[in-house]
C-alpha atoms as a PDB file:
ATOM      1  CA  MET A   1      25.512  16.429  22.797  1.00  0.00           C
ATOM      2  CA  SER A   2      27.453  14.164  20.451  1.00  0.00           C
ATOM      3  CA  GLN A   3      25.946  12.217  18.239  1.00  0.00           C
ATOM      4  CA  GLU A   4      26.858   8.519  17.648  1.00  0.00           C
ATOM      5  CA  PRO A   5      28.105   7.156  14.265  1.00  0.00           C
ATOM      6  CA  PRO A   6      25.415   5.210  12.442  1.00  0.00           C
ATOM      7  CA  SER A   7      25.267   2.037  12.637  1.00  0.00           C
ATOM      8  CA  SER A   8      25.803  -1.216  10.416  1.00  0.00           C
ATOM      9  CA  GLY A   9      22.711  -1.782  10.274  1.00  0.00           C
ATOM     10  CA  SER A  10      20.417  -2.667   7.538  1.00  0.00           C
ATOM     11  CA  ALA A  11      17.733   0.161   9.044  1.00  0.00           C
ATOM     12  CA  ASN A  12      20.484   2.780   8.064  1.00  0.00           C
ATOM     13  CA  GLN A  13      21.678   1.612   4.646  1.00  0.00           C
ATOM     14  CA  ILE A  14      21.426   4.184   2.112  1.00  0.00           C
ATOM     15  CA  ARG A  15      20.260   1.846  -1.365  1.00  0.00           C
ATOM     16  CA  SER A  16      18.964   2.797  -4.574  1.00  0.00           C
ATOM     17  CA  GLY A  17      16.269   3.774  -6.016  1.00  0.00           C
ATOM     18  CA  PRO A  18      16.220   0.553  -7.576  1.00  0.00           C
ATOM     19  CA  GLU A  19      17.297  -1.388  -5.318  1.00  0.00           C
ATOM     20  CA  ILE A  20      13.999  -0.233  -2.992  1.00  0.00           C
ATOM     21  CA  VAL A  21      12.025  -0.986  -6.010  1.00  0.00           C
ATOM     22  CA  ALA A  22      13.418  -4.560  -6.357  1.00  0.00           C
ATOM     23  CA  ASP A  23      12.511  -5.146  -2.847  1.00  0.00           C
ATOM     24  CA  PHE A  24       8.972  -3.853  -3.257  1.00  0.00           C
ATOM     25  CA  VAL A  25       7.798  -6.027  -6.050  1.00  0.00           C
ATOM     26  CA  SER A  26       9.767  -8.838  -4.732  1.00  0.00           C
ATOM     27  CA  ALA A  27       6.972  -8.097  -1.622  1.00  0.00           C
ATOM     28  CA  LEU A  28       4.309  -7.626  -4.408  1.00  0.00           C
ATOM     29  CA  THR A  29       5.369 -11.080  -5.160  1.00  0.00           C
ATOM     30  CA  ASN A  30       5.273 -12.503  -1.844  1.00  0.00           C
ATOM     31  CA  ASP A  31       1.577 -11.662  -1.157  1.00  0.00           C
ATOM     32  CA  PRO A  32      -0.940 -13.946  -1.432  1.00  0.00           C
ATOM     33  CA  LYS A  33      -4.140 -10.814  -1.546  1.00  0.00           C
ATOM     34  CA  LEU A  34      -3.314  -9.633  -4.581  1.00  0.00           C
ATOM     35  CA  ASP A  35      -4.003 -10.980  -7.701  1.00  0.00           C
ATOM     36  CA  LYS A  36      -1.215 -13.124  -9.724  1.00  0.00           C
ATOM     37  CA  SER A  37      -1.521 -12.029 -13.250  1.00  0.00           C
ATOM     38  CA  THR A  38      -0.705  -8.280 -11.937  1.00  0.00           C
ATOM     39  CA  VAL A  39       1.639  -9.196  -9.953  1.00  0.00           C
ATOM     40  CA  GLU A  40       3.626 -11.237 -12.657  1.00  0.00           C
ATOM     41  CA  ALA A  41       3.076  -8.455 -14.811  1.00  0.00           C
ATOM     42  CA  ILE A  42       4.375  -5.771 -12.860  1.00  0.00           C
ATOM     43  CA  GLU A  43       7.269  -7.715 -12.043  1.00  0.00           C
ATOM     44  CA  SER A  44       7.962  -8.254 -15.542  1.00  0.00           C
ATOM     45  CA  LEU A  45       8.014  -4.862 -16.604  1.00  0.00           C
ATOM     46  CA  PHE A  46      10.504  -4.374 -14.299  1.00  0.00           C
ATOM     47  CA  GLN A  47      12.570  -7.040 -14.922  1.00  0.00           C
ATOM     48  CA  ASP A  48      12.263  -5.855 -18.643  1.00  0.00           C
ATOM     49  CA  LYS A  49      13.590  -2.119 -17.474  1.00  0.00           C
ATOM     50  CA  ARG A  50       9.898  -1.276 -18.902  1.00  0.00           C
ATOM     51  CA  LEU A  51       8.798  -0.099 -15.279  1.00  0.00           C
ATOM     52  CA  SER A  52       6.902   3.369 -15.668  1.00  0.00           C
ATOM     53  CA  PRO A  53       3.659   4.927 -14.618  1.00  0.00           C
ATOM     54  CA  THR A  54       2.746   5.540 -17.748  1.00  0.00           C
ATOM     55  CA  ASN A  55       3.384   1.799 -18.609  1.00  0.00           C
ATOM     56  CA  LEU A  56       1.850   0.650 -15.274  1.00  0.00           C
ATOM     57  CA  LEU A  57      -1.390   2.444 -15.802  1.00  0.00           C
ATOM     58  CA  LYS A  58      -1.631   0.651 -18.903  1.00  0.00           C
ATOM     59  CA  LEU A  59      -1.395  -2.467 -17.600  1.00  0.00           C
ATOM     60  CA  LEU A  60      -3.546  -2.022 -14.892  1.00  0.00           C
ATOM     61  CA  GLU A  61      -6.202  -0.199 -17.539  1.00  0.00           C
ATOM     62  CA  GLU A  62      -5.849  -3.938 -19.871  1.00  0.00           C
ATOM     63  CA  ALA A  63      -6.326  -5.925 -16.133  1.00  0.00           C
ATOM     64  CA  ARG A  64      -9.262  -4.087 -15.773  1.00  0.00           C
ATOM     65  CA  GLY A  65     -10.600  -4.757 -19.218  1.00  0.00           C
ATOM     66  CA  LYS A  66     -10.217  -8.148 -19.434  1.00  0.00           C
ATOM     67  CA  THR A  67     -12.096  -8.485 -15.413  1.00  0.00           C
ATOM     68  CA  SER A  68     -15.114  -6.870 -16.526  1.00  0.00           C
ATOM     69  CA  ILE A  69     -18.461  -7.924 -17.086  1.00  0.00           C
END
């Protein structure tokens, strides 16, 4: 059995981690179901190259604190 060479379609394209995260953040900004201020904060962290698990958790904790009763 011979294997077919990879097609030039985007489904088989190898992308870097930052490209994948950029697409994910872009998808978040286009989702009307998500809290706009939280998405903007995540996007800001990403643009400032500060998006990390620790910074994201801090951001979400702050957001919860602002919305709690």
